[in-house]
Amino acid sequence: MKKYIIDIGILAVGLVIGWLLFGGTSNTEIAHNHNISTETNQMWTCSMHPQIMRPEAGDCPICGMDLIPAASASDGLLAEEFKLTEKAMALASIQTSIVGNRIAGDIIKLSGKLTVNKNKTATQPAHYSGRIEKLYVNSVGETVRKGQAIAQVYSSELVAAQQELITTFQMRESQPQLYQAVRNKFKNWKIHDSQLSEIETTGQVKTSFTIYSHVAGVVSEIIVNQGAHIMDGHPVFKVANLATVWANFDVYEHQIDLFKKGQAISVITNAFPNKEFKAKVDFIDPVLDSRSRTVKLRVVLDNNEEVLKPGMFVEGKIKGITSSKKHVLTIPSSAVLWTGERSVVYLKTNPSQPVFEMRKITLGNQIGT
């Protein structure tokens, strides 16, 4: 009887030990797995780029900074929400602003560049064929006056014509019409009467003639050089009148409806940051540049003092127009994070808690300064 009781006791102890060794394994493993799950839910973020969320510590893929712990996902946050710790908020120096609606049509800034007013350019051509023996206009930017000597040209055509002139001059009383026809030929070549009178009275053929400019302005392009052969009607150089200049601005495709011809615009340059040049929109290109997805908006600026130089970069400020005074949401430009494919902002959903929600947005025009 005693032996039976001992066996029962041994069996009971064995059952307890077995339960502790094997039966308790399931509870211990679940708790361990629970701890693993808790650690796995710990997310890591970047103090400079809070859109980065990683399940483990490491470096930020954007800036390379060490990731810091974000709040645990066990706080009932949505999929697009995350919570930063006080340390993360301090390291990131996060600032928030209250945003609201405003009426569209505010001041829009445009970037542009000054160019020559092509409507005020002119070309000095050669009036006869020949070879340039001496060129008096040698550099771009040089100012040319009307009537100024610009080149000495040798022309075999003019040599033959002078001999004809001398002959008809001697026959002018008997054949006045022939004589006058020869003189008119020289007028077509822009050779003045004083030069013809010298040939007639001396009876000597000149080997070269001077070309005089019939245009005035600043030389923008020199097409020939000394010693070159020129043809009748071919250009020698081009001049531009800089009393006015063009300011060409790039307007993006989504901004086209905000502008129209005649709008007032203020233009400033880096050279004169405290001076505004007032003008109006003169032209909007009807053709879109397929590469930059922009159109050219052109403004004519008065430049009587010639302080504006073609090639200068300028900035234009213009009040946009809309067909309907619709309200748009405005946000600080520093709040936008552009990923290359989309633009996002982070909205603080709870004023008393550091909880932020990522929102994808569609950007409109940049306004203000």
Protein backbone atom coordinates (compact mmCIF):
# COMPACT_ATOMS: atom_id res chain seq x y z
CA MET A 1 0.00 0.00 0.00
CA LYS A 2 2.82 2.33 0.87
CA LYS A 3 4.55 1.50 -2.41
CA TYR A 4 1.41 2.60 -4.34
CA ILE A 5 1.31 5.90 -2.57
CA ILE A 6 5.00 6.51 -3.33
CA ASP A 7 4.42 5.69 -6.98
CA ILE A 8 1.55 8.16 -7.09
CA GLY A 9 3.75 10.79 -5.48
CA ILE A 10 6.56 10.16 -7.92
CA LEU A 11 4.07 10.38 -10.80
CA ALA A 12 2.71 13.67 -9.50
CA VAL A 13 6.18 15.16 -9.18
CA GLY A 14 6.99 13.90 -12.68
CA LEU A 15 3.85 15.50 -14.06
CA VAL A 16 4.70 18.83 -12.42
CA ILE A 17 8.27 18.74 -13.69
CA GLY A 18 7.04 17.74 -17.18
CA TRP A 19 4.52 20.55 -17.19
CA LEU A 20 7.21 23.02 -16.16
CA LEU A 21 9.65 21.73 -18.78
CA PHE A 22 7.30 21.11 -21.69
CA GLY A 23 3.86 22.46 -20.97
CA GLY A 24 5.22 25.87 -19.99
CA THR A 25 7.25 26.12 -23.18
CA SER A 26 4.26 27.33 -25.18
CA ASN A 27 3.56 30.29 -22.86
CA THR A 28 7.21 31.27 -22.73
CA GLU A 29 7.51 31.23 -26.54
CA ILE A 30 4.38 33.31 -26.98
CA ALA A 31 5.69 35.92 -24.62
CA HIS A 32 9.01 35.89 -26.44
CA ASN A 33 7.27 36.24 -29.76
CA HIS A 34 5.23 39.04 -28.29
CA ASN A 35 8.43 40.79 -27.31
CA ILE A 36 9.79 40.27 -30.84
CA SER A 37 6.61 41.64 -32.31
CA THR A 38 6.82 44.69 -30.08
CA GLU A 39 10.40 45.32 -31.13
CA THR A 40 9.48 44.83 -34.78
CA ASN A 41 6.77 47.48 -34.51
CA GLN A 42 9.36 50.00 -33.38
CA MET A 43 9.87 52.28 -36.39
CA TRP A 44 12.86 54.47 -37.10
CA THR A 45 12.82 57.81 -38.88
CA CYS A 46 15.16 60.62 -39.93
CA SER A 47 15.13 63.89 -38.05
CA MET A 48 15.63 65.79 -41.30
CA HIS A 49 13.40 63.65 -43.52
CA PRO A 50 10.44 62.42 -41.43
CA GLN A 51 8.92 60.72 -44.48
CA ILE A 52 11.58 58.03 -44.07
CA MET A 53 10.22 55.18 -41.93
CA ARG A 54 12.26 52.00 -41.42
CA PRO A 55 11.60 48.91 -39.24
CA GLU A 56 15.16 48.95 -37.90
CA ALA A 57 17.95 51.38 -37.06
CA GLY A 58 20.37 52.51 -39.75
CA ASP A 59 21.24 55.49 -41.93
CA CYS A 60 18.85 57.82 -43.75
CA PRO A 61 18.89 56.93 -47.48
CA ILE A 62 18.62 60.65 -48.36
CA CYS A 63 21.12 62.45 -46.12
CA GLY A 64 22.97 59.58 -44.40
CA MET A 65 22.16 60.71 -40.83
CA ASP A 66 21.50 58.11 -38.14
CA LEU A 67 17.85 57.17 -37.87
CA ILE A 68 16.11 57.92 -34.59
CA PRO A 69 13.19 56.05 -32.93
CA ALA A 70 9.73 57.06 -34.00
CA ALA A 71 6.72 56.47 -31.84
CA SER A 72 5.42 52.93 -31.56
CA ALA A 73 2.73 51.88 -34.01
CA SER A 74 0.61 50.63 -31.13
CA ASP A 75 -0.96 54.07 -30.58
CA GLY A 76 -3.81 53.51 -33.05
CA LEU A 77 -2.21 55.59 -35.83
CA LEU A 78 -3.35 55.38 -39.42
CA ALA A 79 -1.17 53.97 -42.20
CA GLU A 80 -0.03 57.43 -43.34
CA GLU A 81 0.54 58.74 -39.81
CA PHE A 82 3.56 58.65 -37.56
CA LYS A 83 4.47 60.07 -34.18
CA LEU A 84 7.82 61.63 -33.34
CA THR A 85 9.47 61.54 -29.94
CA GLU A 86 10.43 64.72 -28.12
CA LYS A 87 14.05 64.05 -29.02
CA ALA A 88 13.19 63.68 -32.70
CA MET A 89 11.16 66.90 -32.65
CA ALA A 90 14.08 68.76 -31.09
CA LEU A 91 16.67 67.37 -33.51
CA ALA A 92 14.52 68.10 -36.55
CA SER A 93 13.65 71.66 -35.39
CA ILE A 94 10.18 71.08 -36.79
CA GLN A 95 8.01 74.16 -37.20
CA THR A 96 4.32 74.26 -38.04
CA SER A 97 2.17 76.96 -39.63
CA ILE A 98 -1.56 77.46 -39.81
CA VAL A 99 -2.60 77.53 -43.47
CA GLY A 100 -5.79 78.78 -45.08
CA ASN A 101 -7.54 79.79 -48.26
CA ARG A 102 -6.90 82.92 -50.27
CA ILE A 103 -8.21 84.24 -53.57
CA ALA A 104 -6.19 83.22 -56.62
CA GLY A 105 -4.58 85.95 -58.70
CA ASP A 106 -1.75 87.08 -56.40
CA ILE A 107 1.65 88.33 -57.48
CA ILE A 108 3.58 85.76 -59.51
CA LYS A 109 7.35 85.86 -59.99
CA LEU A 110 8.88 85.05 -63.37
CA SER A 111 12.52 84.57 -64.35
CA GLY A 112 13.82 85.95 -67.62
CA LYS A 113 16.64 87.43 -69.64
CA LEU A 114 17.21 90.66 -71.57
CA THR A 115 17.74 90.49 -75.33
CA VAL A 116 18.05 92.93 -78.19
CA ASN A 117 14.77 94.34 -79.50
CA LYS A 118 14.71 92.56 -82.84
CA ASN A 119 12.14 94.99 -84.17
CA LYS A 120 14.77 97.73 -83.83
CA THR A 121 17.66 96.03 -85.63
CA ALA A 122 19.04 96.86 -89.08
CA THR A 123 21.51 95.39 -91.56
CA GLN A 124 24.22 97.26 -93.47
CA PRO A 125 24.59 95.55 -96.86
CA ALA A 126 27.24 95.83 -99.57
CA HIS A 127 25.90 97.73 -102.58
CA TYR A 128 28.32 96.24 -105.08
CA SER A 129 30.57 93.24 -105.40
CA GLY A 130 34.26 93.47 -104.59
CA ARG A 131 37.01 92.86 -102.04
CA ILE A 132 37.24 94.61 -98.67
CA GLU A 133 40.64 96.33 -98.52
CA LYS A 134 39.98 98.00 -95.18
CA LEU A 135 37.23 97.51 -92.62
CA TYR A 136 36.61 100.39 -90.21
CA VAL A 137 34.07 98.54 -88.00
CA ASN A 138 35.95 95.78 -86.20
CA SER A 139 34.17 94.89 -82.93
CA VAL A 140 30.73 94.00 -81.63
CA GLY A 141 29.33 96.69 -79.33
CA GLU A 142 30.83 99.52 -81.36
CA THR A 143 28.49 102.44 -82.06
CA VAL A 144 27.94 103.32 -85.71
CA ARG A 145 26.50 106.63 -86.94
CA LYS A 146 24.56 107.15 -90.15
CA GLY A 147 26.90 108.39 -92.87
CA GLN A 148 30.00 107.00 -91.17
CA ALA A 149 32.68 105.38 -93.38
CA ILE A 150 32.69 101.66 -92.66
CA ALA A 151 34.89 100.06 -95.39
CA GLN A 152 37.16 100.57 -98.38
CA VAL A 153 36.29 98.20 -101.24
CA TYR A 154 38.01 97.39 -104.55
CA SER A 155 35.57 96.45 -107.31
CA SER A 156 36.44 95.56 -110.90
CA GLU A 157 32.83 96.34 -111.72
CA LEU A 158 33.28 99.92 -110.53
CA VAL A 159 36.54 100.33 -112.42
CA ALA A 160 34.79 99.52 -115.71
CA ALA A 161 31.86 101.76 -114.81
CA GLN A 162 34.20 104.72 -114.10
CA GLN A 163 35.80 104.42 -117.52
CA GLU A 164 32.31 104.46 -119.03
CA LEU A 165 31.45 107.54 -116.96
CA ILE A 166 34.52 109.44 -118.15
CA THR A 167 33.68 108.66 -121.77
CA THR A 168 30.00 109.67 -121.53
CA PHE A 169 30.94 112.80 -119.58
CA GLN A 170 32.87 114.02 -122.61
CA MET A 171 29.79 113.23 -124.77
CA ARG A 172 27.25 114.70 -122.37
CA GLU A 173 26.18 117.53 -124.67
CA SER A 174 25.58 115.34 -127.70
CA GLN A 175 24.20 112.32 -125.78
CA PRO A 176 22.81 113.64 -122.51
CA GLN A 177 20.51 110.66 -121.97
CA LEU A 178 23.33 108.15 -122.17
CA TYR A 179 25.39 110.24 -119.79
CA GLN A 180 22.53 110.46 -117.29
CA ALA A 181 21.91 106.71 -117.49
CA VAL A 182 25.53 106.00 -116.54
CA ARG A 183 25.37 108.40 -113.58
CA ASN A 184 22.16 106.76 -112.35
CA LYS A 185 23.97 103.43 -112.31
CA PHE A 186 26.33 104.83 -109.68
CA LYS A 187 23.41 106.11 -107.60
CA ASN A 188 22.11 102.56 -107.39
CA TRP A 189 25.47 101.66 -105.87
CA LYS A 190 25.06 104.43 -103.24
CA ILE A 191 28.02 106.40 -104.63
CA HIS A 192 27.55 110.11 -103.98
CA ASP A 193 27.62 112.95 -106.53
CA SER A 194 30.74 114.44 -105.00
CA GLN A 195 32.67 111.27 -105.75
CA LEU A 196 31.36 111.19 -109.33
CA SER A 197 32.26 114.86 -109.90
CA GLU A 198 35.82 114.14 -108.79
CA ILE A 199 36.10 111.31 -111.34
CA GLU A 200 34.61 113.43 -114.13
CA THR A 201 36.83 116.46 -113.57
CA THR A 202 40.10 114.56 -113.03
CA GLY A 203 39.45 111.87 -115.61
CA GLN A 204 41.18 109.36 -113.31
CA VAL A 205 39.75 106.00 -112.33
CA LYS A 206 39.65 105.30 -108.59
CA THR A 207 40.80 101.82 -107.57
CA SER A 208 38.67 101.67 -104.41
CA PHE A 209 35.50 103.21 -103.06
CA THR A 210 34.29 103.96 -99.55
CA ILE A 211 31.10 102.39 -98.26
CA TYR A 212 29.16 104.73 -95.96
CA SER A 213 26.69 103.44 -93.38
CA HIS A 214 23.03 104.24 -93.91
CA VAL A 215 22.06 102.67 -90.53
CA ALA A 216 22.79 103.74 -86.95
CA GLY A 217 23.06 101.79 -83.71
CA VAL A 218 25.27 99.41 -81.74
CA VAL A 219 26.98 96.69 -83.76
CA SER A 220 25.47 93.35 -82.75
CA GLU A 221 27.14 91.16 -85.39
CA ILE A 222 30.01 91.50 -87.89
CA ILE A 223 29.56 89.18 -90.83
CA VAL A 224 32.68 89.85 -92.95
CA ASN A 225 36.31 90.62 -92.22
CA GLN A 226 39.07 92.53 -93.92
CA GLY A 227 40.22 90.93 -97.17
CA ALA A 228 36.94 89.08 -97.69
CA HIS A 229 35.05 89.17 -100.98
CA ILE A 230 31.54 90.54 -100.78
CA MET A 231 28.55 90.30 -103.09
CA ASP A 232 26.06 92.98 -103.97
CA GLY A 233 23.28 92.95 -101.36
CA HIS A 234 25.09 90.70 -98.87
CA PRO A 235 25.27 91.98 -95.26
CA VAL A 236 28.45 93.50 -93.85
CA PHE A 237 27.27 93.89 -90.23
CA LYS A 238 24.12 94.26 -88.15
CA VAL A 239 23.25 97.00 -85.67
CA ALA A 240 20.71 97.21 -82.85
CA ASN A 241 18.99 100.21 -81.34
CA LEU A 242 19.28 99.79 -77.55
CA ALA A 243 16.83 102.58 -76.71
CA THR A 244 14.48 99.69 -75.97
CA VAL A 245 15.24 96.07 -75.06
CA TRP A 246 13.21 92.90 -74.74
CA ALA A 247 12.74 90.98 -71.49
CA ASN A 248 11.81 87.38 -72.29
CA PHE A 249 10.24 85.34 -69.47
CA ASP A 250 9.48 81.62 -69.27
CA VAL A 251 5.86 80.78 -68.43
CA TYR A 252 5.08 77.19 -67.50
CA GLU A 253 2.29 75.29 -69.19
CA HIS A 254 -0.03 75.37 -66.17
CA GLN A 255 0.43 79.16 -65.84
CA ILE A 256 -0.56 80.19 -69.36
CA ASP A 257 -4.13 81.13 -68.47
CA LEU A 258 -2.89 83.58 -65.82
CA PHE A 259 -1.43 86.03 -68.34
CA LYS A 260 -2.66 88.17 -71.21
CA LYS A 261 -1.31 90.91 -73.44
CA GLY A 262 -1.35 94.35 -71.81
CA GLN A 263 -0.86 93.20 -68.22
CA ALA A 264 1.27 95.48 -66.04
CA ILE A 265 4.57 94.00 -64.91
CA SER A 266 7.49 95.20 -62.77
CA VAL A 267 11.00 94.13 -63.75
CA ILE A 268 14.12 94.20 -61.57
CA THR A 269 17.73 93.23 -62.24
CA ASN A 270 20.63 92.18 -60.04
CA ALA A 271 22.55 95.24 -61.26
CA PHE A 272 19.83 97.61 -59.99
CA PRO A 273 17.98 95.69 -57.23
CA ASN A 274 16.34 98.83 -55.82
CA LYS A 275 14.99 100.06 -59.15
CA GLU A 276 11.84 98.76 -60.78
CA PHE A 277 11.23 99.06 -64.50
CA LYS A 278 7.52 99.33 -65.26
CA ALA A 279 6.18 97.85 -68.47
CA LYS A 280 3.32 95.86 -70.00
CA VAL A 281 3.14 92.40 -71.54
CA ASP A 282 3.77 92.93 -75.25
CA PHE A 283 3.62 89.38 -76.62
CA ILE A 284 2.87 85.81 -75.52
CA ASP A 285 4.24 83.12 -77.79
CA PRO A 286 1.39 81.01 -79.19
CA VAL A 287 3.71 77.99 -79.59
CA LEU A 288 4.76 75.88 -76.59
CA ASP A 289 8.38 74.75 -76.32
CA SER A 290 8.01 70.95 -76.23
CA ARG A 291 11.34 70.47 -74.40
CA SER A 292 10.91 72.91 -71.51
CA ARG A 293 7.07 72.90 -71.57
CA THR A 294 7.10 76.71 -71.44
CA VAL A 295 6.05 79.64 -73.59
CA LYS A 296 7.83 82.97 -73.94
CA LEU A 297 6.25 86.07 -72.44
CA ARG A 298 7.83 89.23 -73.83
CA VAL A 299 8.05 92.72 -72.39
CA VAL A 300 9.47 95.86 -74.06
CA LEU A 301 11.52 97.99 -71.64
CA ASP A 302 12.53 101.61 -72.21
CA ASN A 303 16.31 101.94 -72.09
CA ASN A 304 17.07 105.52 -73.06
CA GLU A 305 19.87 105.67 -70.48
CA GLU A 306 21.23 102.34 -71.80
CA VAL A 307 21.61 100.89 -68.29
CA LEU A 308 19.94 97.64 -69.32
CA LYS A 309 22.32 95.34 -71.15
CA PRO A 310 21.23 92.42 -73.36
CA GLY A 311 22.18 89.20 -71.59
CA MET A 312 21.23 90.40 -68.09
CA PHE A 313 19.04 88.09 -65.98
CA VAL A 314 15.86 89.74 -64.73
CA GLU A 315 12.90 88.95 -62.51
CA GLY A 316 9.35 89.98 -63.29
CA LYS A 317 6.51 90.46 -60.83
CA ILE A 318 3.03 90.33 -62.29
CA LYS A 319 -0.45 89.91 -60.87
CA GLY A 320 -2.03 86.78 -62.28
CA ILE A 321 -5.57 86.73 -63.62
CA THR A 322 -8.28 84.08 -63.37
CA SER A 323 -11.61 83.70 -65.08
CA SER A 324 -13.25 83.07 -61.68
CA LYS A 325 -12.08 84.31 -58.31
CA LYS A 326 -11.58 80.81 -56.92
CA HIS A 327 -10.06 80.16 -53.50
CA VAL A 328 -6.86 78.17 -53.29
CA LEU A 329 -4.97 76.73 -50.33
CA THR A 330 -1.61 78.40 -49.78
CA ILE A 331 1.24 76.80 -47.85
CA PRO A 332 4.86 77.78 -47.13
CA SER A 333 7.23 76.60 -49.84
CA SER A 334 9.53 75.16 -47.14
CA ALA A 335 6.79 72.70 -46.15
CA VAL A 336 6.81 70.92 -49.51
CA LEU A 337 8.90 67.79 -49.98
CA TRP A 338 9.34 66.93 -53.66
CA THR A 339 10.30 63.32 -54.34
CA GLY A 340 10.68 63.71 -58.10
CA GLU A 341 7.38 62.01 -58.89
CA ARG A 342 5.11 63.62 -56.35
CA SER A 343 4.93 66.47 -53.83
CA VAL A 344 3.97 65.78 -50.23
CA VAL A 345 3.44 67.70 -47.00
CA TYR A 346 3.01 66.54 -43.42
CA LEU A 347 -0.12 67.67 -41.62
CA LYS A 348 -0.18 67.86 -37.83
CA THR A 349 -3.45 66.10 -37.12
CA ASN A 350 -3.54 66.69 -33.35
CA PRO A 351 -2.48 70.13 -32.07
CA SER A 352 -1.47 68.70 -28.69
CA GLN A 353 0.37 65.62 -29.96
CA PRO A 354 3.42 65.30 -32.28
CA VAL A 355 1.44 63.16 -34.75
CA PHE A 356 1.87 63.88 -38.44
CA GLU A 357 0.02 62.60 -41.49
CA MET A 358 1.54 62.50 -44.98
CA ARG A 359 -0.60 64.14 -47.66
CA LYS A 360 0.07 64.08 -51.40
CA ILE A 361 -0.59 67.50 -53.01
CA THR A 362 -0.74 69.09 -56.43
CA LEU A 363 1.29 72.29 -56.61
CA GLY A 364 0.05 75.44 -58.27
CA ASN A 365 1.86 78.75 -58.78
CA GLN A 366 4.44 80.23 -56.45
CA ILE A 367 3.21 83.56 -55.17
CA GLY A 368 4.64 86.33 -53.06
CA THR A 369 8.31 86.93 -52.37
